[in-house]
Amino acid sequence: MPDALELQGNIIDFTERGKPMILLYGLALYILCGLVLAAGFVIFGLARVLPASATVTPGARILILPGAATLWPYVLVRWLLGRET
């Protein structure tokens, strides 16, 4: 198969049928990265991004989680550039 790439015993087909799968794998990777980063951000990062006097209740953390997972590149930048504690 000249249009295929062998990767750890599996063959990824880059023909017309394989192109949507590449997009789905990319979307799955984006979602996985978002969930991992959002969980860490909600547990550890909110205190670094918010002002010192702000407190976040567990209910608010649950509400922030889906948005942080969806917008994880922006959240990561804010987390890294957040104020030093």
C-alpha atoms as a PDB file:
ATOM      1  CA  MET A   1       0.000   0.000   0.000  1.00  0.00           C
ATOM      2  CA  PRO A   2       1.755   3.174  -1.078  1.00  0.00           C
ATOM      3  CA  ASP A   3      -0.852   5.430   0.612  1.00  0.00           C
ATOM      4  CA  ALA A   4      -0.568   3.895   4.062  1.00  0.00           C
ATOM      5  CA  LEU A   5       1.669   4.398   7.053  1.00  0.00           C
ATOM      6  CA  GLU A   6       2.486   1.493   9.332  1.00  0.00           C
ATOM      7  CA  LEU A   7       2.455   2.492  12.973  1.00  0.00           C
ATOM      8  CA  GLN A   8       3.084  -0.153  15.658  1.00  0.00           C
ATOM      9  CA  GLY A   9       1.507  -2.947  13.647  1.00  0.00           C
ATOM     10  CA  ASN A  10      -1.600  -0.948  12.729  1.00  0.00           C
ATOM     11  CA  ILE A  11      -2.044   0.518   9.300  1.00  0.00           C
ATOM     12  CA  ILE A  12      -3.463   4.022   9.031  1.00  0.00           C
ATOM     13  CA  ASP A  13      -5.027   4.418   5.615  1.00  0.00           C
ATOM     14  CA  PHE A  14      -4.601   7.905   4.125  1.00  0.00           C
ATOM     15  CA  THR A  15      -7.046   7.353   1.283  1.00  0.00           C
ATOM     16  CA  GLU A  16     -10.475   8.969   1.194  1.00  0.00           C
ATOM     17  CA  ARG A  17     -11.743   6.743   4.007  1.00  0.00           C
ATOM     18  CA  GLY A  18      -8.766   7.516   6.243  1.00  0.00           C
ATOM     19  CA  LYS A  19      -8.989  11.314   6.126  1.00  0.00           C
ATOM     20  CA  PRO A  20     -12.036  11.561   8.409  1.00  0.00           C
ATOM     21  CA  MET A  21     -10.363   9.181  10.859  1.00  0.00           C
ATOM     22  CA  ILE A  22      -7.364  11.487  11.108  1.00  0.00           C
ATOM     23  CA  LEU A  23      -9.727  14.335  11.998  1.00  0.00           C
ATOM     24  CA  LEU A  24     -11.492  12.176  14.580  1.00  0.00           C
ATOM     25  CA  TYR A  25      -8.176  11.134  16.142  1.00  0.00           C
ATOM     26  CA  GLY A  26      -7.181  14.796  16.301  1.00  0.00           C
ATOM     27  CA  LEU A  27     -10.477  15.710  17.936  1.00  0.00           C
ATOM     28  CA  ALA A  28     -10.105  12.869  20.444  1.00  0.00           C
ATOM     29  CA  LEU A  29      -6.583  14.060  21.288  1.00  0.00           C
ATOM     30  CA  TYR A  30      -7.852  17.643  21.740  1.00  0.00           C
ATOM     31  CA  ILE A  31     -10.610  16.443  24.079  1.00  0.00           C
ATOM     32  CA  LEU A  32      -8.227  14.249  26.082  1.00  0.00           C
ATOM     33  CA  CYS A  33      -5.731  17.085  26.531  1.00  0.00           C
ATOM     34  CA  GLY A  34      -8.579  19.400  27.507  1.00  0.00           C
ATOM     35  CA  LEU A  35      -9.945  17.069  30.160  1.00  0.00           C
ATOM     36  CA  VAL A  36      -6.547  16.450  31.728  1.00  0.00           C
ATOM     37  CA  LEU A  37      -5.606  20.138  31.762  1.00  0.00           C
ATOM     38  CA  ALA A  38      -9.040  21.253  32.978  1.00  0.00           C
ATOM     39  CA  ALA A  39      -8.951  18.838  35.905  1.00  0.00           C
ATOM     40  CA  GLY A  40      -5.530  20.101  36.958  1.00  0.00           C
ATOM     41  CA  PHE A  41      -6.556  23.707  36.456  1.00  0.00           C
ATOM     42  CA  VAL A  42      -9.734  23.389  38.502  1.00  0.00           C
ATOM     43  CA  ILE A  43      -7.896  21.623  41.328  1.00  0.00           C
ATOM     44  CA  PHE A  44      -4.622  23.576  41.405  1.00  0.00           C
ATOM     45  CA  GLY A  45      -4.662  26.503  38.964  1.00  0.00           C
ATOM     46  CA  LEU A  46      -7.664  28.606  39.915  1.00  0.00           C
ATOM     47  CA  ALA A  47      -5.899  30.033  42.941  1.00  0.00           C
ATOM     48  CA  ARG A  48      -3.065  31.227  40.720  1.00  0.00           C
ATOM     49  CA  VAL A  49      -5.271  32.933  38.122  1.00  0.00           C
ATOM     50  CA  LEU A  50      -7.862  34.550  40.393  1.00  0.00           C
ATOM     51  CA  PRO A  51      -7.190  37.453  42.770  1.00  0.00           C
ATOM     52  CA  ALA A  52      -6.003  36.501  46.245  1.00  0.00           C
ATOM     53  CA  SER A  53      -9.290  37.462  47.913  1.00  0.00           C
ATOM     54  CA  ALA A  54     -11.443  35.327  45.596  1.00  0.00           C
ATOM     55  CA  THR A  55     -12.688  31.981  46.861  1.00  0.00           C
ATOM     56  CA  VAL A  56     -14.111  29.302  44.594  1.00  0.00           C
ATOM     57  CA  THR A  57     -16.755  26.922  45.870  1.00  0.00           C
ATOM     58  CA  PRO A  58     -16.895  23.283  44.734  1.00  0.00           C
ATOM     59  CA  GLY A  59     -20.033  24.048  42.734  1.00  0.00           C
ATOM     60  CA  ALA A  60     -18.265  26.828  40.860  1.00  0.00           C
ATOM     61  CA  ARG A  61     -15.350  24.511  40.132  1.00  0.00           C
ATOM     62  CA  ILE A  62     -17.758  22.002  38.583  1.00  0.00           C
ATOM     63  CA  LEU A  63     -19.219  24.755  36.401  1.00  0.00           C
ATOM     64  CA  ILE A  64     -15.750  25.925  35.289  1.00  0.00           C
ATOM     65  CA  LEU A  65     -14.599  22.413  34.323  1.00  0.00           C
ATOM     66  CA  PRO A  66     -16.377  22.045  30.910  1.00  0.00           C
ATOM     67  CA  GLY A  67     -15.375  25.519  29.759  1.00  0.00           C
ATOM     68  CA  ALA A  68     -11.774  24.966  30.790  1.00  0.00           C
ATOM     69  CA  ALA A  69     -11.739  21.636  28.942  1.00  0.00           C
ATOM     70  CA  THR A  70     -13.112  23.226  25.776  1.00  0.00           C
ATOM     71  CA  LEU A  71     -10.850  26.283  25.823  1.00  0.00           C
ATOM     72  CA  TRP A  72      -7.777  24.500  27.188  1.00  0.00           C
ATOM     73  CA  PRO A  73      -5.137  26.309  25.055  1.00  0.00           C
ATOM     74  CA  TYR A  74      -6.336  29.670  26.395  1.00  0.00           C
ATOM     75  CA  VAL A  75      -6.595  28.300  29.943  1.00  0.00           C
ATOM     76  CA  LEU A  76      -3.054  26.932  29.727  1.00  0.00           C
ATOM     77  CA  VAL A  77      -1.658  30.317  28.685  1.00  0.00           C
ATOM     78  CA  ARG A  78      -3.567  32.099  31.463  1.00  0.00           C
ATOM     79  CA  TRP A  79      -2.378  29.507  33.976  1.00  0.00           C
ATOM     80  CA  LEU A  80       1.261  29.832  32.934  1.00  0.00           C
ATOM     81  CA  LEU A  81       1.160  33.632  32.855  1.00  0.00           C
ATOM     82  CA  GLY A  82      -0.939  33.950  36.029  1.00  0.00           C
ATOM     83  CA  ARG A  83       0.236  35.791  39.088  1.00  0.00           C
ATOM     84  CA  GLU A  84       2.931  34.189  41.226  1.00  0.00           C
ATOM     85  CA  THR A  85       1.759  32.919  44.597  1.00  0.00           C
END
